[in-house]
Amino acid sequence: MSYLVLARKWRPQTFRDLIGQEHVSQTLQNAIDSGRIAHAFLFTGARGVGKTSSARILAKALNCEQGTSTEPCNSCSACTEITAGTSVDVFEIDGASNTSVDDIRELRENVKYLPSRCRYKIFIIDEVHMLSTNAFNALLKTLEEPPPHVKFIFATTEPHKLPITILSRCQRFDFKRIPLPKIVDRLRFIVDQEQVGISDGALAMIARKGDGSMRDSLSTLDQVLAFCGEQVGDEDVVALLGVVDRRLLQDAARLIFARDCRGVLDIVRQVDGFGYSMRHFGQELIDQFRTLVILKAVGDAAELAELSAGELAELQELVECVTLGDLQRHLTLLLRADVEMAQSSFPRLVLEMALLKMANLAPVIPVDELLARIQSLEKQGNGVVASGRPTWEAPRSRQAEPPAIRTRPVASSAKPSPAVECEADSPASASAAPQTETPHNGGDWEGFVTFVRGKKPLLAALLEHGRPLRVSAQIVELGYGAGSFQYNKLKDADVLADLTGLAQAYFRGATTLQLKPLSGNVDGLPPTLLEKKSLDQSAREQELKAAAVNHPLVAAALEIFDGVIESVKEGDVSNKV
């Protein structure tokens, strides 16, 4: 006798045997029990979830010689013939092979005749979405008003391809993907009946390979038994199916939580040694951390995570040592790594860097704990208002000095001379020190530039780039880079005349204005106003940063948040309390 594969040998023969489709079996049983049996049914769902098996069970329940019942007897001739596929009144038609209008016309001619032996003549059309449009149109009238002795049962994996006119004439039942624990339980029952030794972990790998399909899971189990015989080891299942060993995933999670960088790199080495795809391993790790997040969030995740009872118990123990926030951050890193691996030529490097980041990820401090620490600092600290804002003020760079009282020479009765002296354009030695008989007066220079800004802002902008070599009531000598824009602009006769008039008005005397081109080294010369402002600002920032670092509240905040000071800004002292 030829070998009968497990998927056919253990095919469901009663509604009770349907795994994971209780909503369908209960509805059909209630319809049979109440006599409300529709003339057309549409079974939709993924492959291998029980659509055709349910159609056969329904056909047996309607044609059983013991009478119409919610469960067929499976012992009468009608039930056995339907199970074997030899019944003359139950037609199983492959929609992919009978797509033409002629096939449907033949079916319509057959519908007219009464069943030979059974109570109903039943047409089961599998993959009905493969019928042509003309075939569907030819079936419409018969499907809407069939004879009372005819029942139609359609099965498809793609209901969206069916015309709406067909869908509206059928009772639709959507079959679900079978949960992994239920597949494992069914496989355990079958291997016990077949007297095969295999662990629950291996059955879980086989069920996971089936991806919610009982038929695919049984086919995979058949393949494993052909390879291993009556005793199946976990290593043999891993080697045969090419799936990622769950122990690698659990070891990877455990090493990440233990912050073992060498360990996580060794995990990647093992993945590469086994020949697994790096991205596939990363995706399995994503699913692992998703399960950990669910376990941490809701506790009992048997229905949400497709894992066996043993795997759930191990993960439940593993998740106790980590917080939900850390798990979510780990999962975010893995999702980002998956996107990068899809586009990278170095998937191993991307995975290694992601695992190292996860192993070195600093733990998240709960917000409640941070708030408690801050409140404690507010109570113990000095100079903190109720809002938690510091009220201290960093020391100034220099003490504020009262404005100096400057005496100016009495204005001459004579009209100021418009004559202006300007040295030759040949660059003078920049190292030449200013003349000592009229020393530089920085206060007068800043005051003069401020005075000019109030009259002519554009001239003041030019003066800010000049070096005040000599500033007095008699002479103002300014140094500029030879050939610079400012120097060339101020050499203009009209500009010089305007600037000289402003100088004479400010110093109240016959002030002479001189321009001196500079080149080479300018060390030892007075700085420009722009340079002076920059130096003062830099010194002020250094003092503010030093004051902030030395403040006890700032030091405590840096310790709590493990932070660093990037920049310091001076606050508005008008809000000081």
Protein backbone atom coordinates (compact mmCIF):
# COMPACT_ATOMS: atom_id res chain seq x y z
CA MET A 1 0.00 0.00 0.00
CA SER A 2 1.33 3.43 -0.92
CA TYR A 3 2.24 5.85 1.84
CA LEU A 4 -0.44 8.39 2.79
CA VAL A 5 1.04 11.72 3.82
CA LEU A 6 0.13 13.13 7.22
CA ALA A 7 -1.81 16.05 5.74
CA ARG A 8 -4.25 13.57 4.12
CA LYS A 9 -4.16 10.94 6.82
CA TRP A 10 -5.07 13.40 9.57
CA ARG A 11 -7.42 15.57 7.53
CA PRO A 12 -10.39 16.77 9.67
CA GLN A 13 -13.43 14.55 9.24
CA THR A 14 -15.80 16.31 11.64
CA PHE A 15 -16.44 19.88 12.71
CA ARG A 16 -14.89 18.95 16.04
CA ASP A 17 -11.57 18.26 14.31
CA LEU A 18 -11.37 21.74 12.74
CA ILE A 19 -8.56 23.54 14.61
CA GLY A 20 -8.75 27.29 15.02
CA GLN A 21 -11.99 27.72 13.04
CA GLU A 22 -14.54 27.36 15.84
CA HIS A 23 -16.48 30.40 14.61
CA VAL A 24 -17.11 28.68 11.27
CA SER A 25 -17.96 25.24 12.61
CA GLN A 26 -20.32 26.66 15.25
CA THR A 27 -22.19 28.76 12.68
CA LEU A 28 -22.59 25.87 10.25
CA GLN A 29 -23.75 23.51 13.00
CA ASN A 30 -26.34 26.02 14.20
CA ALA A 31 -27.59 26.48 10.61
CA ILE A 32 -27.97 22.71 10.17
CA ASP A 33 -29.65 22.32 13.53
CA SER A 34 -32.17 25.12 12.83
CA GLY A 35 -32.77 24.17 9.19
CA ARG A 36 -31.49 27.54 7.89
CA ILE A 37 -29.11 26.11 5.32
CA ALA A 38 -28.17 28.54 2.56
CA HIS A 39 -27.99 27.47 -1.06
CA ALA A 40 -24.47 28.94 -1.60
CA PHE A 41 -21.47 29.26 0.71
CA LEU A 42 -18.17 31.05 0.19
CA PHE A 43 -15.17 29.93 2.27
CA THR A 44 -12.23 32.37 2.19
CA GLY A 45 -8.87 32.38 3.96
CA ALA A 46 -5.19 31.52 3.68
CA ARG A 47 -3.94 28.22 2.33
CA GLY A 48 -4.18 25.11 4.47
CA VAL A 49 -6.56 26.44 7.12
CA GLY A 50 -9.45 24.02 6.43
CA LYS A 51 -11.63 25.52 3.68
CA THR A 52 -11.96 22.41 1.48
CA SER A 53 -12.07 20.13 4.50
CA SER A 54 -14.96 22.17 5.91
CA ALA A 55 -16.75 21.92 2.56
CA ARG A 56 -16.46 18.11 2.64
CA ILE A 57 -17.61 17.94 6.28
CA LEU A 58 -20.62 20.12 5.43
CA ALA A 59 -21.43 17.89 2.45
CA LYS A 60 -21.27 14.78 4.67
CA ALA A 61 -23.42 16.43 7.37
CA LEU A 62 -26.10 17.28 4.76
CA ASN A 63 -26.05 13.86 3.00
CA CYS A 64 -25.37 11.49 5.91
CA GLU A 65 -27.62 8.40 5.77
CA GLN A 66 -28.22 8.75 9.52
CA GLY A 67 -30.04 12.01 8.74
CA THR A 68 -29.03 15.66 8.55
CA SER A 69 -26.99 16.28 11.72
CA THR A 70 -24.40 18.66 13.10
CA GLU A 71 -21.74 15.93 12.91
CA PRO A 72 -21.47 13.29 10.16
CA CYS A 73 -21.26 9.65 11.22
CA ASN A 74 -18.32 8.93 8.86
CA SER A 75 -19.41 5.28 8.73
CA CYS A 76 -22.29 5.18 6.23
CA SER A 77 -21.70 4.74 2.53
CA ALA A 78 -22.49 8.38 1.74
CA CYS A 79 -19.93 9.67 4.25
CA THR A 80 -17.21 7.23 3.18
CA GLU A 81 -17.74 8.00 -0.51
CA ILE A 82 -17.54 11.76 0.10
CA THR A 83 -14.39 11.24 2.21
CA ALA A 84 -12.82 9.18 -0.57
CA GLY A 85 -13.98 11.65 -3.25
CA THR A 86 -16.00 9.03 -5.17
CA SER A 87 -19.53 10.23 -4.47
CA VAL A 88 -21.67 10.64 -7.60
CA ASP A 89 -23.63 13.50 -6.03
CA VAL A 90 -20.79 15.58 -4.59
CA PHE A 91 -18.68 17.23 -7.29
CA GLU A 92 -15.27 18.75 -6.45
CA ILE A 93 -14.27 21.07 -9.28
CA ASP A 94 -10.92 22.78 -9.65
CA GLY A 95 -11.65 26.37 -10.61
CA ALA A 96 -8.16 26.79 -12.08
CA SER A 97 -8.74 23.97 -14.61
CA ASN A 98 -12.37 24.66 -15.46
CA THR A 99 -12.40 28.34 -16.25
CA SER A 100 -14.31 28.47 -19.51
CA VAL A 101 -17.97 29.18 -20.23
CA ASP A 102 -18.42 25.66 -21.61
CA ASP A 103 -17.47 24.17 -18.23
CA ILE A 104 -20.09 26.26 -16.48
CA ARG A 105 -22.72 25.41 -19.10
CA GLU A 106 -22.08 21.73 -18.45
CA LEU A 107 -22.47 22.38 -14.73
CA ARG A 108 -25.81 24.17 -15.35
CA GLU A 109 -27.10 21.20 -17.34
CA ASN A 110 -26.10 18.85 -14.53
CA VAL A 111 -27.88 20.98 -11.92
CA LYS A 112 -31.28 20.22 -13.41
CA TYR A 113 -31.19 16.53 -12.50
CA LEU A 114 -32.00 15.13 -9.07
CA PRO A 115 -29.24 13.48 -7.01
CA SER A 116 -28.74 9.77 -7.61
CA ARG A 117 -28.37 8.54 -4.04
CA CYS A 118 -27.85 11.44 -1.65
CA ARG A 119 -30.18 14.05 -0.25
CA TYR A 120 -28.45 16.99 -1.98
CA LYS A 121 -26.39 17.44 -5.08
CA ILE A 122 -23.39 19.54 -3.90
CA PHE A 123 -20.90 21.39 -6.09
CA ILE A 124 -17.57 22.30 -4.39
CA ILE A 125 -15.54 24.68 -6.57
CA ASP A 126 -12.01 25.25 -5.24
CA GLU A 127 -10.05 28.38 -6.21
CA VAL A 128 -13.23 29.82 -7.64
CA HIS A 129 -11.57 33.18 -8.28
CA MET A 130 -9.79 31.59 -11.27
CA LEU A 131 -13.03 31.42 -13.29
CA SER A 132 -13.28 33.80 -16.20
CA THR A 133 -15.63 36.76 -16.24
CA ASN A 134 -17.86 35.09 -18.82
CA ALA A 135 -17.98 31.93 -16.69
CA PHE A 136 -19.09 33.97 -13.67
CA ASN A 137 -21.78 35.67 -15.74
CA ALA A 138 -23.04 32.29 -16.96
CA LEU A 139 -23.28 31.08 -13.35
CA LEU A 140 -25.16 34.08 -11.93
CA LYS A 141 -28.77 33.03 -12.58
CA THR A 142 -28.25 29.44 -11.49
CA LEU A 143 -26.42 30.59 -8.35
CA GLU A 144 -29.19 32.99 -7.39
CA GLU A 145 -32.11 30.57 -7.82
CA PRO A 146 -30.80 26.98 -7.84
CA PRO A 147 -33.11 23.97 -7.51
CA PRO A 148 -33.88 22.98 -3.90
CA HIS A 149 -31.76 19.84 -4.18
CA VAL A 150 -28.54 21.75 -5.10
CA LYS A 151 -25.97 23.41 -2.82
CA PHE A 152 -22.91 25.38 -3.94
CA ILE A 153 -19.76 25.66 -1.82
CA PHE A 154 -17.00 27.94 -3.14
CA ALA A 155 -13.47 28.13 -1.71
CA THR A 156 -10.86 30.80 -2.49
CA THR A 157 -7.74 32.42 -1.11
CA GLU A 158 -8.41 35.70 -2.95
CA PRO A 159 -12.02 36.79 -2.44
CA HIS A 160 -11.30 40.31 -3.72
CA LYS A 161 -11.03 38.86 -7.25
CA LEU A 162 -14.61 37.64 -7.22
CA PRO A 163 -17.29 39.83 -8.83
CA ILE A 164 -19.56 41.58 -6.37
CA THR A 165 -22.52 39.87 -8.05
CA ILE A 166 -21.14 36.49 -6.93
CA LEU A 167 -20.29 37.69 -3.41
CA SER A 168 -23.80 39.06 -2.88
CA ARG A 169 -25.34 35.64 -3.63
CA CYS A 170 -23.28 33.67 -1.09
CA GLN A 171 -22.93 33.35 2.67
CA ARG A 172 -19.32 34.23 3.32
CA PHE A 173 -17.15 32.59 6.00
CA ASP A 174 -13.64 33.96 6.62
CA PHE A 175 -11.18 31.36 7.89
CA LYS A 176 -8.43 32.63 10.19
CA ARG A 177 -4.76 31.77 10.37
CA ILE A 178 -4.37 29.07 12.98
CA PRO A 179 -2.54 30.25 16.13
CA LEU A 180 0.83 28.64 16.72
CA PRO A 181 -0.03 27.08 20.12
CA LYS A 182 -3.01 25.28 18.58
CA ILE A 183 -0.89 23.97 15.73
CA VAL A 184 1.69 22.72 18.25
CA ASP A 185 -1.03 20.96 20.26
CA ARG A 186 -2.38 19.28 17.13
CA LEU A 187 1.11 18.23 16.04
CA ARG A 188 1.77 16.82 19.51
CA PHE A 189 -1.39 14.72 19.24
CA ILE A 190 -0.40 13.44 15.81
CA VAL A 191 3.20 12.52 16.71
CA ASP A 192 1.98 10.76 19.83
CA GLN A 193 -0.37 8.71 17.68
CA GLU A 194 2.44 8.03 15.23
CA GLN A 195 4.77 7.13 18.14
CA VAL A 196 7.45 9.67 17.17
CA GLY A 197 9.83 11.17 19.75
CA ILE A 198 10.16 14.93 19.30
CA SER A 199 10.41 17.92 21.65
CA ASP A 200 7.94 20.77 21.96
CA GLY A 201 10.65 23.18 20.81
CA ALA A 202 11.09 21.26 17.55
CA LEU A 203 7.32 21.16 17.05
CA ALA A 204 7.22 24.92 17.59
CA MET A 205 9.86 25.41 14.87
CA ILE A 206 7.84 23.21 12.52
CA ALA A 207 4.61 25.08 13.32
CA ARG A 208 6.33 28.42 12.85
CA LYS A 209 7.53 27.23 9.44
CA GLY A 210 3.90 26.51 8.56
CA ASP A 211 3.01 30.18 9.15
CA GLY A 212 -0.53 29.57 10.39
CA SER A 213 -1.31 26.77 7.94
CA MET A 214 -2.05 23.30 9.36
CA ARG A 215 -1.46 21.61 6.00
CA ASP A 216 1.94 23.28 5.57
CA SER A 217 2.88 22.34 9.13
CA LEU A 218 1.96 18.68 8.53
CA SER A 219 3.90 18.68 5.26
CA THR A 220 6.95 20.05 7.07
CA LEU A 221 6.53 17.41 9.79
CA ASP A 222 6.46 14.74 7.09
CA GLN A 223 9.73 16.09 5.72
CA VAL A 224 11.33 16.07 9.17
CA LEU A 225 10.22 12.48 9.84
CA ALA A 226 11.63 11.37 6.49
CA PHE A 227 14.98 12.90 7.47
CA CYS A 228 15.17 11.91 11.14
CA GLY A 229 13.05 8.79 11.48
CA GLU A 230 11.23 8.01 14.72
CA GLN A 231 13.53 10.10 16.95
CA VAL A 232 13.81 13.77 16.04
CA GLY A 233 16.44 16.07 17.58
CA ASP A 234 16.24 19.84 17.76
CA GLU A 235 19.56 20.21 15.92
CA ASP A 236 18.28 18.06 13.06
CA VAL A 237 15.18 20.24 12.68
CA VAL A 238 17.29 23.40 12.65
CA ALA A 239 19.67 21.97 10.07
CA LEU A 240 16.89 20.64 7.85
CA LEU A 241 14.57 23.66 7.87
CA GLY A 242 17.30 26.30 7.89
CA VAL A 243 15.48 28.30 10.56
CA VAL A 244 17.16 30.41 13.21
CA ASP A 245 17.68 28.46 16.41
CA ARG A 246 15.52 30.01 19.15
CA ARG A 247 18.36 29.50 21.59
CA LEU A 248 20.49 31.92 19.61
CA LEU A 249 17.75 34.54 19.87
CA GLN A 250 17.34 34.03 23.61
CA ASP A 251 21.11 34.06 24.15
CA ALA A 252 21.35 37.30 22.16
CA ALA A 253 18.67 38.97 24.30
CA ARG A 254 20.27 37.70 27.52
CA LEU A 255 23.72 39.00 26.51
CA ILE A 256 22.28 42.38 25.49
CA PHE A 257 20.63 42.78 28.89
CA ALA A 258 23.89 41.70 30.57
CA ARG A 259 25.83 44.37 28.55
CA ASP A 260 28.22 41.70 27.23
CA CYS A 261 29.70 43.26 24.07
CA ARG A 262 32.00 40.31 23.33
CA GLY A 263 29.07 37.93 23.75
CA VAL A 264 26.81 39.71 21.24
CA LEU A 265 29.63 39.81 18.69
CA ASP A 266 30.09 36.05 19.19
CA ILE A 267 26.36 35.59 18.49
CA VAL A 268 26.80 37.33 15.14
CA ARG A 269 29.80 35.11 14.43
CA GLN A 270 27.69 32.02 15.09
CA VAL A 271 24.91 33.32 12.84
CA ASP A 272 27.43 33.81 10.05
CA GLY A 273 28.95 30.38 10.71
CA PHE A 274 25.58 28.64 10.47
CA GLY A 275 24.95 30.35 7.15
CA TYR A 276 21.86 32.26 8.28
CA SER A 277 20.90 35.46 6.56
CA MET A 278 21.89 38.44 8.71
CA ARG A 279 18.70 40.29 7.88
CA HIS A 280 16.58 37.22 8.56
CA PHE A 281 18.24 36.84 11.96
CA GLY A 282 17.61 40.53 12.64
CA GLN A 283 13.94 40.10 11.76
CA GLU A 284 13.68 37.09 14.06
CA LEU A 285 15.30 39.19 16.79
CA ILE A 286 12.74 41.94 16.14
CA ASP A 287 9.96 39.40 16.64
CA GLN A 288 11.68 38.21 19.82
CA PHE A 289 11.82 41.71 21.30
CA ARG A 290 8.24 42.34 20.21
CA THR A 291 7.24 39.35 22.30
CA LEU A 292 9.30 40.66 25.23
CA VAL A 293 7.55 44.04 24.98
CA ILE A 294 4.15 42.34 24.98
CA LEU A 295 5.09 40.17 27.95
CA LYS A 296 6.31 43.19 29.90
CA ALA A 297 3.26 45.27 29.00
CA VAL A 298 0.40 42.80 29.49
CA GLY A 299 1.93 39.84 31.30
CA ASP A 300 -0.10 36.97 29.81
CA ALA A 301 0.67 37.03 26.08
CA ALA A 302 -0.24 33.49 25.05
CA GLU A 303 -2.77 34.75 22.49
CA LEU A 304 -0.67 37.69 21.27
CA ALA A 305 2.69 35.94 20.83
CA GLU A 306 3.05 32.93 18.56
CA LEU A 307 5.21 30.89 20.92
CA SER A 308 4.91 27.57 22.68
CA ALA A 309 4.28 27.38 26.41
CA GLY A 310 7.92 26.48 27.12
CA GLU A 311 9.28 29.41 25.10
CA LEU A 312 6.87 31.80 26.78
CA ALA A 313 8.03 30.62 30.20
CA GLU A 314 11.69 31.24 29.31
CA LEU A 315 10.95 34.70 27.94
CA GLN A 316 8.84 35.55 30.99
CA GLU A 317 11.85 34.83 33.17
CA LEU A 318 14.14 36.83 30.90
CA VAL A 319 11.92 39.94 30.79
CA GLU A 320 11.86 40.39 34.57
CA CYS A 321 15.29 42.07 34.61
CA VAL A 322 14.51 44.88 32.14
CA THR A 323 12.08 47.79 31.97
CA LEU A 324 9.46 48.39 29.31
CA GLY A 325 11.13 51.65 28.22
CA ASP A 326 14.46 49.89 27.62
CA LEU A 327 12.74 47.16 25.59
CA GLN A 328 11.08 49.73 23.37
CA ARG A 329 14.42 51.48 22.78
CA HIS A 330 16.03 48.15 21.88
CA LEU A 331 13.22 47.41 19.45
CA THR A 332 13.64 50.84 17.83
CA LEU A 333 17.34 50.16 17.21
CA LEU A 334 16.55 46.78 15.64
CA LEU A 335 13.91 48.26 13.34
CA ARG A 336 16.35 50.93 12.20
CA ALA A 337 19.03 48.30 11.61
CA ASP A 338 16.62 46.22 9.49
CA VAL A 339 16.07 49.17 7.16
CA GLU A 340 19.81 49.80 6.93
CA MET A 341 20.61 46.12 6.24
CA ALA A 342 18.18 46.12 3.32
CA GLN A 343 20.22 48.86 1.64
CA SER A 344 23.74 48.08 2.87
CA SER A 345 26.50 45.98 1.31
CA PHE A 346 27.72 45.10 4.82
CA PRO A 347 24.72 43.62 6.66
CA ARG A 348 26.93 41.90 9.23
CA LEU A 349 28.55 45.20 10.19
CA VAL A 350 25.14 46.90 10.52
CA LEU A 351 23.88 44.09 12.75
CA GLU A 352 27.03 44.14 14.90
CA MET A 353 26.82 47.89 15.42
CA ALA A 354 23.13 47.64 16.33
CA LEU A 355 23.76 44.91 18.90
CA LEU A 356 26.69 46.84 20.39
CA LYS A 357 24.51 49.94 20.73
CA MET A 358 21.88 47.85 22.46
CA ALA A 359 24.45 46.31 24.81
CA ASN A 360 25.79 49.76 25.73
CA LEU A 361 22.40 51.46 25.96
CA ALA A 362 22.17 53.40 29.20
CA PRO A 363 19.15 52.42 31.29
CA VAL A 364 16.25 54.84 31.36
CA ILE A 365 15.57 56.53 34.68
CA PRO A 366 11.81 56.67 35.35
CA VAL A 367 10.30 60.14 35.12
CA ASP A 368 8.76 59.80 38.58
CA GLU A 369 12.19 59.15 40.05
CA LEU A 370 13.69 62.17 38.26
CA LEU A 371 10.88 64.40 39.47
CA ALA A 372 11.40 63.14 43.02
CA ARG A 373 15.10 63.96 42.83
CA ILE A 374 14.42 67.44 41.48
CA GLN A 375 11.87 68.10 44.21
CA SER A 376 14.41 66.96 46.78
CA LEU A 377 16.95 69.38 45.31
CA GLU A 378 14.41 72.19 45.47
CA LYS A 379 13.90 71.57 49.15
CA GLN A 380 17.60 71.26 49.96
CA GLY A 381 19.04 73.74 47.48
CA ASN A 382 19.46 77.47 47.90
CA GLY A 383 18.17 80.04 45.49
CA VAL A 384 15.57 77.94 43.65
CA VAL A 385 12.06 79.20 43.14
CA ALA A 386 8.94 77.05 43.13
CA SER A 387 9.13 76.52 39.39
CA GLY A 388 12.58 75.00 39.72
CA ARG A 389 14.37 77.83 37.85
CA PRO A 390 17.68 78.94 39.33
CA THR A 391 17.73 82.49 40.65
CA TRP A 392 21.47 82.92 41.01
CA GLU A 393 23.42 85.18 38.68
CA ALA A 394 26.85 84.44 37.37
CA PRO A 395 29.50 87.04 38.25
CA ARG A 396 30.20 89.75 35.75
CA SER A 397 33.50 89.89 33.95
CA ARG A 398 34.30 93.22 35.53
CA GLN A 399 32.69 95.46 38.04
CA ALA A 400 30.53 98.14 36.59
CA GLU A 401 32.40 101.43 36.74
CA PRO A 402 30.77 104.85 36.90
CA PRO A 403 31.07 106.70 33.63
CA ALA A 404 34.19 108.80 33.48
CA ILE A 405 33.69 112.56 33.39
CA ARG A 406 35.52 113.80 30.35
CA THR A 407 36.50 117.41 29.95
CA ARG A 408 36.58 118.66 26.43
CA PRO A 409 38.53 121.64 25.12
CA VAL A 410 36.66 124.80 24.61
CA ALA A 411 35.43 125.10 21.09
CA SER A 412 37.50 127.44 18.96
CA SER A 413 35.78 130.49 17.68
CA ALA A 414 37.25 129.87 14.28
CA LYS A 415 35.36 127.64 11.80
CA PRO A 416 36.78 124.10 11.63
CA SER A 417 39.13 123.57 8.77
CA PRO A 418 37.90 120.98 6.28
CA ALA A 419 41.47 120.04 5.41
CA VAL A 420 42.20 116.32 5.90
CA GLU A 421 45.59 114.61 5.98
CA CYS A 422 45.96 111.17 4.43
CA GLU A 423 49.21 109.26 4.20
CA ALA A 424 50.47 107.76 0.97
CA ASP A 425 48.96 104.50 -0.14
CA SER A 426 52.31 102.73 0.18
CA PRO A 427 51.91 100.30 3.11
CA ALA A 428 53.65 101.36 6.25
CA SER A 429 55.29 98.92 8.56
CA ALA A 430 52.59 97.52 10.78
CA SER A 431 55.11 96.92 13.51
CA ALA A 432 55.67 100.65 13.93
CA ALA A 433 54.33 101.62 17.32
CA PRO A 434 51.95 104.57 17.68
CA GLN A 435 53.53 107.89 18.56
CA THR A 436 53.84 108.42 22.27
CA GLU A 437 53.20 112.13 22.45
CA THR A 438 49.47 111.66 21.95
CA PRO A 439 48.57 108.36 23.68
CA HIS A 440 45.60 106.25 22.60
CA ASN A 441 42.41 106.97 24.49
CA GLY A 442 40.06 103.98 24.14
CA GLY A 443 37.19 105.66 25.92
CA ASP A 444 37.21 108.59 23.50
CA TRP A 445 37.39 106.23 20.55
CA GLU A 446 34.38 104.16 21.60
CA GLY A 447 32.46 107.32 22.41
CA PHE A 448 33.34 108.81 19.03
CA VAL A 449 32.14 105.68 17.15
CA THR A 450 28.91 105.73 19.16
CA PHE A 451 28.48 109.42 18.28
CA VAL A 452 29.03 108.71 14.56
CA ARG A 453 26.57 105.75 14.67
CA GLY A 454 23.85 108.11 15.83
CA LYS A 455 24.54 110.43 12.89
CA LYS A 456 25.68 108.16 10.05
CA PRO A 457 25.48 104.39 10.80
CA LEU A 458 27.30 103.38 7.60
CA LEU A 459 30.38 105.41 8.58
CA ALA A 460 30.29 103.88 12.07
CA ALA A 461 30.35 100.40 10.51
CA LEU A 462 33.52 101.38 8.62
CA LEU A 463 35.11 102.77 11.79
CA GLU A 464 34.56 99.49 13.68
CA HIS A 465 37.11 97.81 11.39
CA GLY A 466 39.81 100.42 12.07
CA ARG A 467 42.57 100.34 14.68
CA PRO A 468 42.71 103.58 16.75
CA LEU A 469 46.46 104.36 16.56
CA ARG A 470 46.04 107.87 18.01
CA VAL A 471 42.88 109.44 19.35
CA SER A 472 42.82 112.94 20.82
CA ALA A 473 41.14 116.25 20.32
CA GLN A 474 43.94 117.30 17.93
CA ILE A 475 44.29 114.18 15.77
CA VAL A 476 42.52 110.88 15.07
CA GLU A 477 44.81 108.39 13.32
CA LEU A 478 43.21 105.15 12.11
CA GLY A 479 44.97 102.05 10.76
CA TYR A 480 43.37 99.81 8.11
CA GLY A 481 44.59 96.90 6.09
CA ALA A 482 46.23 98.10 2.93
CA GLY A 483 43.82 97.77 0.00
CA SER A 484 40.90 96.78 2.23
CA PHE A 485 37.34 97.79 1.36
CA GLN A 486 37.06 100.02 4.43
CA TYR A 487 40.33 101.80 3.70
CA ASN A 488 39.42 102.48 0.07
CA LYS A 489 35.95 103.65 1.08
CA LEU A 490 37.22 106.12 3.70
CA LYS A 491 39.81 107.57 1.28
CA ASP A 492 37.02 109.13 -0.73
CA ALA A 493 37.24 112.92 -0.36
CA ASP A 494 33.56 113.41 0.45
CA VAL A 495 33.58 110.60 3.02
CA LEU A 496 36.71 112.03 4.65
CA ALA A 497 35.14 115.47 4.79
CA ASP A 498 31.99 114.14 6.45
CA LEU A 499 34.00 112.09 8.95
CA THR A 500 36.27 115.04 9.76
CA GLY A 501 33.27 117.26 10.42
CA LEU A 502 31.85 114.64 12.82
CA ALA A 503 35.21 114.37 14.62
CA GLN A 504 35.46 118.14 15.05
CA ALA A 505 31.88 118.23 16.31
CA TYR A 506 32.55 115.43 18.82
CA PHE A 507 35.95 116.67 20.10
CA ARG A 508 34.97 120.35 19.78
CA GLY A 509 38.17 121.40 18.14
CA ALA A 510 40.13 121.51 14.91
CA THR A 511 40.57 117.77 14.82
CA THR A 512 42.59 116.27 11.99
CA LEU A 513 41.73 112.80 10.61
CA GLN A 514 44.50 110.58 9.23
CA LEU A 515 44.29 107.12 7.59
CA LYS A 516 47.28 104.76 7.74
CA PRO A 517 47.56 101.59 5.61
CA LEU A 518 48.79 98.54 7.52
CA SER A 519 50.38 95.32 6.32
CA GLY A 520 52.23 92.45 7.88
CA ASN A 521 52.16 91.71 11.60
CA VAL A 522 49.66 93.76 13.62
CA ASP A 523 50.68 92.45 17.06
CA GLY A 524 50.99 95.21 19.60
CA LEU A 525 48.57 97.51 17.80
CA PRO A 526 45.25 98.46 19.40
CA PRO A 527 42.40 96.07 18.51
CA THR A 528 39.44 97.05 16.40
CA LEU A 529 36.07 97.47 18.09
CA LEU A 530 34.88 94.20 16.49
CA GLU A 531 37.86 92.31 17.89
CA LYS A 532 37.35 93.88 21.30
CA LYS A 533 33.70 92.88 21.36
CA SER A 534 34.57 89.30 20.36
CA LEU A 535 37.20 89.00 23.08
CA ASP A 536 34.86 90.43 25.71
CA GLN A 537 32.08 88.06 24.67
CA SER A 538 34.37 85.01 24.75
CA ALA A 539 35.67 85.93 28.19
CA ARG A 540 32.11 86.45 29.42
CA GLU A 541 31.04 83.03 28.13
CA GLN A 542 33.98 81.38 29.86
CA GLU A 543 33.09 83.06 33.14
CA LEU A 544 29.43 82.06 32.82
CA LYS A 545 30.36 78.45 32.07
CA ALA A 546 32.78 78.30 34.99
CA ALA A 547 30.13 79.77 37.30
CA ALA A 548 27.56 77.25 36.06
CA VAL A 549 29.89 74.28 36.52
CA ASN A 550 30.71 75.34 40.07
CA HIS A 551 27.08 75.89 41.07
CA PRO A 552 25.79 73.02 43.29
CA LEU A 553 22.38 72.76 41.61
CA VAL A 554 23.90 72.50 38.14
CA ALA A 555 26.38 69.89 39.36
CA ALA A 556 23.53 67.87 40.89
CA ALA A 557 21.47 68.07 37.68
CA LEU A 558 24.45 66.91 35.60
CA GLU A 559 24.86 63.93 37.91
CA ILE A 560 21.15 63.01 37.81
CA PHE A 561 20.80 63.23 34.03
CA ASP A 562 24.38 62.16 33.22
CA GLY A 563 24.70 65.25 31.05
CA VAL A 564 27.26 67.78 29.91
CA ILE A 565 27.10 71.56 29.53
CA GLU A 566 26.98 72.44 25.84
CA SER A 567 26.44 76.20 26.15
CA VAL A 568 25.56 78.81 28.75
CA LYS A 569 23.26 81.78 28.15
CA GLU A 570 22.90 84.72 30.44
CA GLY A 571 19.39 85.00 31.79
CA ASP A 572 17.22 88.06 32.21
CA VAL A 573 18.12 89.45 35.63
CA SER A 574 14.89 91.47 35.68
CA ASN A 575 13.04 88.24 36.66
CA LYS A 576 15.28 87.67 39.65
CA VAL A 577 13.45 87.03 42.94
